[in-house]
N, C-alpha and C. Protein backbone atom coordinates (compact mmCIF):
# COMPACT_ATOMS: atom_id res chain seq x y z
N UNK A 1 0.83 -1.17 0.00
CA UNK A 1 0.00 0.00 0.00
C UNK A 1 0.88 1.23 0.00
N UNK A 2 0.76 2.10 -1.00
CA UNK A 2 1.57 3.31 -1.02
C UNK A 2 1.27 4.19 0.18
N UNK A 3 2.31 4.78 0.73
CA UNK A 3 2.13 5.65 1.88
C UNK A 3 2.71 7.02 1.57
N UNK A 4 2.35 7.97 2.40
CA UNK A 4 2.96 9.28 2.33
C UNK A 4 4.45 9.13 2.60
N UNK A 5 5.22 10.15 2.27
CA UNK A 5 6.64 10.08 2.58
C UNK A 5 6.81 9.89 4.07
N UNK A 6 7.74 9.05 4.45
CA UNK A 6 7.95 8.76 5.86
C UNK A 6 6.83 7.88 6.39
N UNK A 7 6.60 7.98 7.67
CA UNK A 7 5.55 7.18 8.29
C UNK A 7 4.22 7.90 8.18
N UNK A 8 3.16 7.17 8.22
CA UNK A 8 1.85 7.80 8.19
C UNK A 8 0.86 6.96 7.42
N UNK A 9 -0.33 7.48 7.32
CA UNK A 9 -1.42 6.79 6.64
C UNK A 9 -1.28 6.90 5.13
N UNK A 10 -1.84 5.93 4.40
CA UNK A 10 -1.84 6.03 2.94
C UNK A 10 -2.59 7.29 2.52
N UNK A 11 -2.18 7.85 1.41
CA UNK A 11 -2.90 9.00 0.89
C UNK A 11 -4.32 8.58 0.58
N UNK A 12 -5.26 9.53 0.67
CA UNK A 12 -6.67 9.20 0.43
C UNK A 12 -6.89 8.68 -0.98
N UNK A 13 -6.18 9.23 -1.97
CA UNK A 13 -6.37 8.76 -3.34
C UNK A 13 -5.86 7.33 -3.48
N UNK A 14 -4.79 6.98 -2.76
CA UNK A 14 -4.28 5.61 -2.80
C UNK A 14 -5.27 4.65 -2.14
N UNK A 15 -5.85 5.08 -1.04
CA UNK A 15 -6.84 4.26 -0.34
C UNK A 15 -8.07 4.05 -1.21
N UNK A 16 -8.47 5.08 -1.91
CA UNK A 16 -9.61 4.99 -2.83
C UNK A 16 -9.32 3.97 -3.94
N UNK A 17 -8.15 4.08 -4.56
CA UNK A 17 -7.77 3.12 -5.61
C UNK A 17 -7.69 1.71 -5.06
N UNK A 18 -7.13 1.59 -3.86
CA UNK A 18 -7.00 0.28 -3.24
C UNK A 18 -8.37 -0.36 -3.01
N UNK A 19 -9.29 0.41 -2.46
CA UNK A 19 -10.65 -0.10 -2.20
C UNK A 19 -11.34 -0.47 -3.50
N UNK A 20 -11.12 0.32 -4.54
CA UNK A 20 -11.69 0.00 -5.86
C UNK A 20 -11.14 -1.32 -6.39
N UNK A 21 -9.84 -1.55 -6.20
CA UNK A 21 -9.23 -2.80 -6.66
C UNK A 21 -9.80 -4.00 -5.90
N UNK A 22 -10.00 -3.85 -4.60
CA UNK A 22 -10.60 -4.94 -3.81
C UNK A 22 -12.00 -5.24 -4.33
N UNK A 23 -12.78 -4.20 -4.64
CA UNK A 23 -14.13 -4.39 -5.18
C UNK A 23 -14.07 -5.12 -6.52
N UNK A 24 -13.12 -4.72 -7.37
CA UNK A 24 -12.98 -5.36 -8.68
C UNK A 24 -12.64 -6.85 -8.53
N UNK A 25 -11.66 -7.15 -7.69
CA UNK A 25 -11.26 -8.55 -7.52
C UNK A 25 -12.32 -9.37 -6.78
N UNK A 26 -13.06 -8.74 -5.88
CA UNK A 26 -14.17 -9.43 -5.23
C UNK A 26 -15.16 -9.90 -6.30
N UNK A 27 -15.49 -9.00 -7.21
CA UNK A 27 -16.42 -9.35 -8.30
C UNK A 27 -15.82 -10.42 -9.20
N UNK A 28 -14.55 -10.28 -9.52
CA UNK A 28 -13.88 -11.23 -10.40
C UNK A 28 -13.88 -12.64 -9.80
N UNK A 29 -13.60 -12.74 -8.52
CA UNK A 29 -13.50 -14.04 -7.86
C UNK A 29 -14.87 -14.64 -7.55
N UNK A 30 -15.81 -13.83 -7.09
CA UNK A 30 -17.11 -14.37 -6.65
C UNK A 30 -18.16 -14.38 -7.74
N UNK A 31 -17.98 -13.51 -8.76
CA UNK A 31 -19.01 -13.37 -9.79
C UNK A 31 -20.18 -12.52 -9.33
N UNK A 32 -20.08 -11.96 -8.13
CA UNK A 32 -21.14 -11.11 -7.57
C UNK A 32 -20.63 -9.69 -7.41
N UNK A 33 -21.53 -8.75 -7.57
CA UNK A 33 -21.17 -7.35 -7.34
C UNK A 33 -20.94 -7.13 -5.85
N UNK A 34 -19.98 -6.30 -5.49
CA UNK A 34 -19.79 -5.99 -4.08
C UNK A 34 -20.99 -5.21 -3.54
N UNK A 35 -21.41 -5.55 -2.35
CA UNK A 35 -22.54 -4.86 -1.72
C UNK A 35 -22.26 -4.70 -0.23
N UNK A 36 -23.00 -3.79 0.37
CA UNK A 36 -23.01 -3.64 1.83
C UNK A 36 -24.41 -3.97 2.28
N UNK A 37 -24.52 -4.89 3.22
CA UNK A 37 -25.81 -5.30 3.76
C UNK A 37 -25.99 -4.61 5.10
N UNK A 38 -27.11 -3.95 5.29
CA UNK A 38 -27.39 -3.27 6.56
C UNK A 38 -28.49 -4.01 7.29
N UNK A 39 -28.19 -4.42 8.52
CA UNK A 39 -29.14 -5.14 9.35
C UNK A 39 -29.23 -4.41 10.69
N UNK A 40 -30.38 -3.85 10.98
CA UNK A 40 -30.57 -3.09 12.22
C UNK A 40 -29.51 -2.00 12.39
N UNK A 41 -29.27 -1.27 11.33
CA UNK A 41 -28.31 -0.15 11.27
C UNK A 41 -26.85 -0.57 11.38
N UNK A 42 -26.58 -1.87 11.32
CA UNK A 42 -25.20 -2.35 11.35
C UNK A 42 -24.85 -2.84 9.95
N UNK A 43 -23.81 -2.24 9.38
CA UNK A 43 -23.39 -2.61 8.02
C UNK A 43 -22.50 -3.85 8.07
N UNK A 44 -22.64 -4.69 7.06
CA UNK A 44 -21.84 -5.90 6.99
C UNK A 44 -21.95 -6.54 5.64
N UNK A 45 -21.72 -7.82 5.60
CA UNK A 45 -21.78 -8.58 4.36
C UNK A 45 -20.40 -9.04 3.94
N UNK A 46 -20.35 -9.96 3.00
CA UNK A 46 -19.07 -10.55 2.58
C UNK A 46 -18.04 -9.54 2.07
N UNK A 47 -18.46 -8.57 1.27
CA UNK A 47 -17.50 -7.60 0.75
C UNK A 47 -16.92 -6.75 1.88
N UNK A 48 -17.77 -6.29 2.78
CA UNK A 48 -17.26 -5.49 3.91
C UNK A 48 -16.37 -6.31 4.82
N UNK A 49 -16.70 -7.57 5.02
CA UNK A 49 -15.86 -8.44 5.85
C UNK A 49 -14.48 -8.60 5.21
N UNK A 50 -14.46 -8.79 3.89
CA UNK A 50 -13.19 -8.92 3.18
C UNK A 50 -12.36 -7.65 3.32
N UNK A 51 -12.98 -6.51 3.04
CA UNK A 51 -12.27 -5.24 3.13
C UNK A 51 -11.79 -4.99 4.56
N UNK A 52 -12.59 -5.33 5.54
CA UNK A 52 -12.21 -5.18 6.95
C UNK A 52 -10.99 -6.04 7.28
N UNK A 53 -10.99 -7.28 6.81
CA UNK A 53 -9.85 -8.17 7.06
C UNK A 53 -8.58 -7.62 6.43
N UNK A 54 -8.69 -7.15 5.19
CA UNK A 54 -7.52 -6.61 4.50
C UNK A 54 -7.01 -5.35 5.20
N UNK A 55 -7.92 -4.47 5.60
CA UNK A 55 -7.51 -3.26 6.32
C UNK A 55 -6.78 -3.66 7.61
N UNK A 56 -7.30 -4.67 8.30
CA UNK A 56 -6.66 -5.11 9.54
C UNK A 56 -5.28 -5.68 9.31
N UNK A 57 -5.14 -6.53 8.31
CA UNK A 57 -3.84 -7.15 8.01
C UNK A 57 -2.81 -6.09 7.65
N UNK A 58 -3.23 -5.12 6.84
CA UNK A 58 -2.31 -4.07 6.39
C UNK A 58 -2.23 -2.89 7.36
N UNK A 59 -2.96 -3.00 8.47
CA UNK A 59 -2.98 -1.95 9.50
C UNK A 59 -3.38 -0.60 8.93
N UNK A 60 -4.40 -0.61 8.09
CA UNK A 60 -4.93 0.61 7.50
C UNK A 60 -5.98 1.17 8.44
N UNK A 61 -5.81 2.40 8.81
CA UNK A 61 -6.80 3.07 9.66
C UNK A 61 -7.80 3.76 8.74
N UNK A 62 -9.01 3.85 9.17
CA UNK A 62 -10.03 4.51 8.36
C UNK A 62 -11.33 3.75 8.44
N UNK A 63 -12.34 4.34 7.90
CA UNK A 63 -13.67 3.75 7.94
C UNK A 63 -13.84 2.72 6.82
N UNK A 64 -13.91 1.47 7.21
CA UNK A 64 -14.13 0.41 6.23
C UNK A 64 -15.48 0.61 5.56
N UNK A 65 -16.49 0.97 6.34
CA UNK A 65 -17.82 1.14 5.76
C UNK A 65 -17.84 2.25 4.71
N UNK A 66 -17.23 3.39 5.01
CA UNK A 66 -17.27 4.48 4.02
C UNK A 66 -16.46 4.13 2.79
N UNK A 67 -15.33 3.45 2.96
CA UNK A 67 -14.54 3.03 1.79
C UNK A 67 -15.30 1.99 0.97
N UNK A 68 -15.98 1.06 1.65
CA UNK A 68 -16.75 0.04 0.94
C UNK A 68 -17.88 0.67 0.15
N UNK A 69 -18.63 1.55 0.79
CA UNK A 69 -19.76 2.19 0.10
C UNK A 69 -19.30 3.03 -1.09
N UNK A 70 -18.20 3.76 -0.92
CA UNK A 70 -17.69 4.59 -2.02
C UNK A 70 -17.18 3.71 -3.16
N UNK A 71 -16.49 2.62 -2.84
CA UNK A 71 -15.99 1.72 -3.88
C UNK A 71 -17.15 1.07 -4.63
N UNK A 72 -18.21 0.72 -3.92
CA UNK A 72 -19.39 0.12 -4.55
C UNK A 72 -20.04 1.11 -5.50
N UNK A 73 -20.16 2.36 -5.10
CA UNK A 73 -20.74 3.38 -5.99
C UNK A 73 -19.91 3.53 -7.26
N UNK A 74 -18.59 3.57 -7.11
CA UNK A 74 -17.73 3.69 -8.29
C UNK A 74 -17.81 2.43 -9.14
N UNK A 75 -17.86 1.25 -8.50
CA UNK A 75 -17.96 -0.01 -9.24
C UNK A 75 -19.24 -0.04 -10.06
N UNK A 76 -20.36 0.34 -9.44
CA UNK A 76 -21.65 0.32 -10.13
C UNK A 76 -21.73 1.36 -11.23
N UNK A 77 -21.03 2.47 -11.09
CA UNK A 77 -21.07 3.50 -12.13
C UNK A 77 -20.25 3.12 -13.35
N UNK A 78 -19.36 2.14 -13.21
CA UNK A 78 -18.53 1.71 -14.33
C UNK A 78 -19.15 0.57 -15.12
N UNK A 79 -20.28 0.07 -14.69
CA UNK A 79 -20.94 -1.05 -15.39
C UNK A 79 -21.39 -0.63 -16.75
């Protein structure tokens, strides 16, 4: 994951591209469009779980839900 010079969080544009790539590969592997499922105001679902796991492994700070929703909007607009 590209980072700012020195230590710190990935640039927002890099995080956006990264989330978009995860959405693309999620679709490629599963054959399903990435979605966020909301149950009693709690967001979840397979795509969000995947993105959450990847963020955790790579120690990326930030809102998984907002990145997932934004990536889904961009994914759907490219159809």
